[in-house]
Protein backbone atom coordinates (compact mmCIF):
# COMPACT_ATOMS: atom_id res chain seq x y z
CA UNK A 1 11.30 1.33 -66.58
CA UNK A 2 12.51 1.48 -62.84
CA UNK A 3 15.82 3.66 -63.47
CA UNK A 4 19.02 3.08 -61.37
CA UNK A 5 18.09 6.15 -59.58
CA UNK A 6 14.86 5.20 -58.58
CA UNK A 7 16.78 1.72 -57.28
CA UNK A 8 19.31 3.63 -55.24
CA UNK A 9 16.64 5.62 -53.89
CA UNK A 10 14.56 3.02 -52.70
CA UNK A 11 17.78 1.60 -51.18
CA UNK A 12 18.58 4.67 -49.12
CA UNK A 13 14.92 4.71 -47.46
CA UNK A 14 15.78 2.37 -44.64
CA UNK A 15 18.88 3.96 -43.88
CA UNK A 16 16.95 7.08 -43.77
CA UNK A 17 13.93 6.31 -42.24
CA UNK A 18 14.74 3.05 -40.57
CA UNK A 19 13.49 4.46 -37.01
CA UNK A 20 10.12 5.43 -38.54
CA UNK A 21 9.52 1.88 -40.18
CA UNK A 22 10.11 0.20 -36.84
CA UNK A 23 7.61 2.61 -35.38
CA UNK A 24 4.87 2.07 -38.13
CA UNK A 25 5.49 -1.88 -37.38
CA UNK A 26 4.82 -1.51 -33.93
CA UNK A 27 2.01 0.99 -34.27
CA UNK A 28 0.09 -1.67 -36.75
CA UNK A 29 0.72 -4.59 -34.21
CA UNK A 30 -0.97 -2.46 -31.62
CA UNK A 31 -4.01 -3.29 -33.53
CA UNK A 32 -4.00 -6.35 -32.06
CA UNK A 33 -4.56 -5.48 -28.50
CA UNK A 34 -5.77 -1.79 -29.19
CA UNK A 35 -9.06 -2.38 -27.24
CA UNK A 36 -6.82 -3.06 -24.38
CA UNK A 37 -4.90 0.04 -25.12
CA UNK A 38 -7.73 2.07 -25.32
CA UNK A 39 -9.75 0.51 -22.17
CA UNK A 40 -7.04 0.77 -19.75
CA UNK A 41 -6.21 4.20 -21.05
CA UNK A 42 -9.87 5.48 -20.42
CA UNK A 43 -10.40 3.08 -17.06
CA UNK A 44 -7.24 3.52 -15.22
CA UNK A 45 -7.69 7.15 -14.78
CA UNK A 46 -11.67 7.06 -13.88
CA UNK A 47 -10.64 4.66 -11.29
CA UNK A 48 -8.06 5.90 -9.92
CA UNK A 49 -9.75 9.46 -9.48
CA UNK A 50 -12.92 8.06 -8.40
CA UNK A 51 -10.96 5.65 -5.81
CA UNK A 52 -8.17 7.72 -4.56
CA UNK A 53 -9.25 11.08 -5.60
CA UNK A 54 -12.10 11.42 -4.49
CA UNK A 55 -13.07 8.27 -2.21
CA UNK A 56 -9.75 8.85 -0.01
CA UNK A 57 -9.86 12.45 -0.46
CA UNK A 58 -13.41 12.24 1.95
CA UNK A 59 -11.26 10.99 4.88
CA UNK A 60 -8.44 13.85 4.52
CA UNK A 61 -10.66 16.61 4.55
CA UNK A 62 -7.65 18.87 5.60
CA UNK A 63 -5.84 18.10 2.42
CA UNK A 64 -2.14 17.81 1.93
CA UNK A 65 0.43 20.87 1.98
CA UNK A 66 -2.37 23.28 1.69
CA UNK A 67 -4.11 21.99 -1.38
CA UNK A 68 -7.24 19.41 -1.59
CA UNK A 69 -6.23 15.98 -1.65
CA UNK A 70 -7.50 15.35 -5.11
CA UNK A 71 -5.07 18.40 -6.36
CA UNK A 72 -1.89 17.01 -4.41
CA UNK A 73 -2.62 13.35 -5.58
CA UNK A 74 -3.34 14.10 -8.94
CA UNK A 75 -0.12 14.55 -10.57
CA UNK A 76 1.04 11.31 -8.70
CA UNK A 77 -1.52 9.29 -10.38
CA UNK A 78 -0.55 10.20 -13.74
CA UNK A 79 2.93 10.15 -13.29
CA UNK A 80 2.50 6.44 -11.64
CA UNK A 81 0.13 5.43 -14.56
CA UNK A 82 2.53 6.43 -17.16
CA UNK A 83 5.42 5.35 -15.55
CA UNK A 84 4.19 1.94 -14.62
CA UNK A 85 3.34 1.53 -18.37
CA UNK A 86 7.06 2.24 -19.10
CA UNK A 87 8.18 -0.25 -16.70
CA UNK A 88 5.70 -2.96 -18.51
CA UNK A 89 7.12 -1.84 -22.00
CA UNK A 90 10.41 -2.51 -20.64
CA UNK A 91 10.19 -5.95 -19.96
CA UNK A 92 7.98 -8.41 -21.60
CA UNK A 93 8.14 -6.59 -25.19
CA UNK A 94 11.86 -6.23 -25.25
CA UNK A 95 12.47 -9.98 -24.61
CA UNK A 96 9.80 -10.92 -26.83
CA UNK A 97 11.38 -9.25 -29.35
CA UNK A 98 14.26 -11.57 -29.07
CA UNK A 99 13.06 -14.58 -27.63
CA UNK A 100 9.56 -15.61 -28.47
CA UNK A 101 8.50 -13.68 -31.71
CA UNK A 102 11.94 -12.70 -32.71
CA UNK A 103 10.67 -9.48 -34.22
CA UNK A 104 13.99 -7.63 -33.92
CA UNK A 105 15.71 -10.29 -36.01
CA UNK A 106 13.40 -10.04 -38.66
CA UNK A 107 14.16 -6.56 -38.76
CA UNK A 108 17.71 -6.61 -38.77
CA UNK A 109 17.54 -8.64 -41.48
CA UNK A 110 17.22 -6.05 -43.33
CA UNK A 111 19.24 -2.49 -43.75
CA UNK A 112 17.62 -1.51 -40.90
CA UNK A 113 20.19 -1.07 -38.19
CA UNK A 114 20.05 -2.02 -34.36
CA UNK A 115 20.43 1.68 -33.22
CA UNK A 116 16.91 2.67 -35.82
CA UNK A 117 15.19 -0.54 -34.23
CA UNK A 118 15.93 1.21 -30.65
CA UNK A 119 15.11 4.39 -32.27
CA UNK A 120 11.49 3.31 -33.64
CA UNK A 121 10.64 1.26 -30.43
CA UNK A 122 10.95 4.54 -28.56
CA UNK A 123 9.25 6.88 -31.01
CA UNK A 124 6.33 3.94 -30.91
CA UNK A 125 6.37 4.27 -26.92
CA UNK A 126 6.23 8.09 -27.17
CA UNK A 127 3.18 8.25 -29.36
CA UNK A 128 1.55 5.46 -26.83
CA UNK A 129 2.65 7.65 -23.52
CA UNK A 130 1.04 10.88 -25.13
CA UNK A 131 -1.75 9.47 -25.77
CA UNK A 132 -2.62 7.60 -22.18
CA UNK A 133 -1.23 10.75 -20.60
CA UNK A 134 -3.40 12.95 -22.69
CA UNK A 135 -6.19 10.99 -21.81
CA UNK A 136 -5.42 11.01 -18.25
CA UNK A 137 -4.80 14.63 -17.99
CA UNK A 138 -8.43 15.23 -19.73
CA UNK A 139 -9.66 13.41 -16.86
CA UNK A 140 -7.83 15.67 -14.18
CA UNK A 141 -9.00 18.72 -15.87
CA UNK A 142 -12.81 17.32 -15.90
CA UNK A 143 -12.47 16.47 -12.45
CA UNK A 144 -11.02 19.94 -11.26
CA UNK A 145 -7.82 18.46 -10.05
CA UNK A 146 -5.36 20.33 -12.37
CA UNK A 147 -5.27 23.96 -14.23
CA UNK A 148 -5.24 23.71 -17.98
CA UNK A 149 -2.85 26.44 -18.29
CA UNK A 150 0.60 24.94 -16.49
CA UNK A 151 -1.00 21.52 -15.68
CA UNK A 152 -0.55 20.32 -19.43
CA UNK A 153 3.05 20.36 -18.97
CA UNK A 154 2.94 16.90 -16.82
CA UNK A 155 2.45 15.20 -20.09
CA UNK A 156 5.92 15.44 -21.35
CA UNK A 157 7.16 15.40 -17.81
CA UNK A 158 5.43 11.83 -17.36
CA UNK A 159 6.78 10.75 -20.82
CA UNK A 160 10.20 11.66 -19.59
CA UNK A 161 9.87 9.82 -15.81
CA UNK A 162 8.22 6.80 -18.32
CA UNK A 163 11.47 6.50 -20.53
CA UNK A 164 13.88 7.19 -17.10
CA UNK A 165 12.31 3.38 -15.88
CA UNK A 166 11.94 2.07 -19.37
CA UNK A 167 15.53 2.34 -20.87
CA UNK A 168 17.33 0.54 -17.75
CA UNK A 169 14.65 -1.92 -17.68
CA UNK A 170 15.01 -2.38 -21.41
CA UNK A 171 18.79 -2.94 -21.28
CA UNK A 172 18.29 -5.55 -19.03
CA UNK A 173 15.73 -7.28 -20.82
CA UNK A 174 17.83 -7.32 -24.08
CA UNK A 175 20.44 -9.40 -22.72
CA UNK A 176 17.94 -12.48 -21.06
CA UNK A 177 17.84 -15.39 -22.53
CA UNK A 178 14.76 -16.45 -20.91
CA UNK A 179 12.32 -14.97 -18.32
CA UNK A 180 12.93 -17.82 -14.80
CA UNK A 181 10.67 -15.23 -12.80
CA UNK A 182 12.98 -11.88 -13.12
CA UNK A 183 10.13 -9.75 -13.96
CA UNK A 184 7.87 -10.87 -11.40
CA UNK A 185 10.34 -9.76 -8.70
CA UNK A 186 10.92 -6.80 -10.38
CA UNK A 187 7.50 -5.99 -10.62
CA UNK A 188 6.85 -7.12 -6.57
CA UNK A 189 10.64 -5.86 -5.73
CA UNK A 190 11.05 -2.29 -7.58
CA UNK A 191 7.74 -1.21 -9.41
CA UNK A 192 5.63 -1.69 -6.26
CA UNK A 193 7.76 0.00 -3.84
CA UNK A 194 8.37 2.84 -6.07
CA UNK A 195 4.29 3.17 -6.31
CA UNK A 196 4.25 2.92 -2.49
CA UNK A 197 6.96 4.75 -0.82
CA UNK A 198 7.83 7.75 -3.78
CA UNK A 199 5.67 10.31 -1.96
CA UNK A 200 2.61 9.45 -4.38
CA UNK A 201 -0.53 9.63 -1.75
CA UNK A 202 1.54 11.67 1.21
CA UNK A 203 4.89 14.10 1.18
CA UNK A 204 7.95 11.99 1.19
CA UNK A 205 8.95 13.70 4.66
CA UNK A 206 6.23 11.56 6.41
CA UNK A 207 7.94 8.03 5.17
CA UNK A 208 10.11 6.68 8.05
CA UNK A 209 14.09 8.01 7.34
CA UNK A 210 15.32 4.54 6.51
CA UNK A 211 12.68 4.30 3.59
CA UNK A 212 13.38 8.01 2.31
CA UNK A 213 16.05 6.66 0.36
CA UNK A 214 13.08 4.82 -1.97
CA UNK A 215 12.09 8.27 -3.05
CA UNK A 216 15.52 9.82 -3.51
CA UNK A 217 16.30 7.09 -6.03
CA UNK A 218 13.12 6.56 -7.74
CA UNK A 219 11.71 8.41 -10.79
CA UNK A 220 8.46 8.26 -9.70
CA UNK A 221 9.39 10.75 -7.25
CA UNK A 222 11.14 12.92 -9.14
CA UNK A 223 8.22 13.28 -11.88
CA UNK A 224 5.73 13.15 -9.14
CA UNK A 225 7.64 16.22 -7.42
CA UNK A 226 8.03 17.82 -10.92
CA UNK A 227 4.48 17.47 -11.49
CA UNK A 228 3.01 18.85 -8.19
CA UNK A 229 5.14 22.08 -8.75
CA UNK A 230 3.79 22.64 -12.39
CA UNK A 231 0.42 21.67 -11.43
CA UNK A 232 -0.62 23.74 -8.14
CA UNK A 233 3.05 25.45 -7.67
CA UNK A 234 4.59 23.48 -4.82
CA UNK A 235 7.18 25.08 -3.19
CA UNK A 236 10.77 23.77 -3.85
CA UNK A 237 13.78 24.99 -4.12
CA UNK A 238 15.20 25.70 -8.05
CA UNK A 239 18.07 23.38 -7.22
CA UNK A 240 15.91 20.63 -5.99
CA UNK A 241 14.02 20.65 -9.10
CA UNK A 242 17.03 21.00 -11.30
CA UNK A 243 18.01 17.82 -9.52
CA UNK A 244 14.52 15.98 -10.28
CA UNK A 245 15.08 17.17 -14.23
CA UNK A 246 18.89 15.61 -13.82
CA UNK A 247 17.99 12.80 -12.41
CA UNK A 248 15.38 11.65 -15.22
CA UNK A 249 17.60 13.00 -17.87
CA UNK A 250 20.55 10.75 -16.45
CA UNK A 251 18.55 7.52 -16.16
CA UNK A 252 17.04 8.13 -19.41
CA UNK A 253 19.97 9.01 -21.22
CA UNK A 254 22.32 6.37 -19.65
CA UNK A 255 19.38 3.72 -19.51
CA UNK A 256 19.02 4.41 -23.27
CA UNK A 257 23.02 4.20 -24.13
CA UNK A 258 22.97 0.64 -22.53
CA UNK A 259 19.75 -0.28 -24.55
CA UNK A 260 21.26 0.35 -27.37
CA UNK A 261 24.89 -1.32 -26.79
CA UNK A 262 22.43 -4.04 -25.50
CA UNK A 263 20.53 -4.38 -28.54
CA UNK A 264 23.51 -4.27 -30.83
CA UNK A 265 25.48 -6.85 -28.65
CA UNK A 266 21.94 -9.18 -28.94
CA UNK A 267 21.76 -8.80 -33.13
CA UNK A 268 25.21 -8.80 -34.41
CA UNK A 269 26.31 -11.95 -32.39
């Protein structure tokens, strides 16, 4: 026979572990498209490295910043891949949870709070980012593009970078009532320029002066520069490295704050 104490203990579980229940649900949902996640995690880095790291490197035999082009571009390829996944996860999956599948409303019908829903959503993505970044890093090691001893630090940097773009977009997506082309516009006017003009394939100093601001406000540039510092020891003043970290943390924390507020407002109105 179930005792009152057992019933109370079961009732307390959502309050304590609600965030993990949400993360577990999202991970189970991934089984429906796990082939895409695994294939893209292996295919994307391989294609990037063959086409850009090796193919393009043959056209730049002198390298960049005193290192081979593959070594120079490797951190940027890792960061851009994970940040792109972060941008994607911050748009359609968030809106879908409110509008099409309404899974966030279903979860909120239980004792799980909006804050736990956001937390579980981010925990699930942390696991996905870690897997994708780990696979990409493994390819970089195989290609001799990064050292194992210090290069692994690029994995947490890439995850921080992903959250620095995911949470602001998630805050925006959570307040949308419908997709009327906003996400496509963000892809064209935010994500693509960020990829092209954030010092990905060449130093930011080579970008025209009137475009340099794109790099300074871009989380990709800040993440890439940190990646180059830990990968091959790119020379930068301490204050600039600290600025990179502060910008990424600032985007992620402020975006997370507004994402939480947006979820609370949407789920409790």
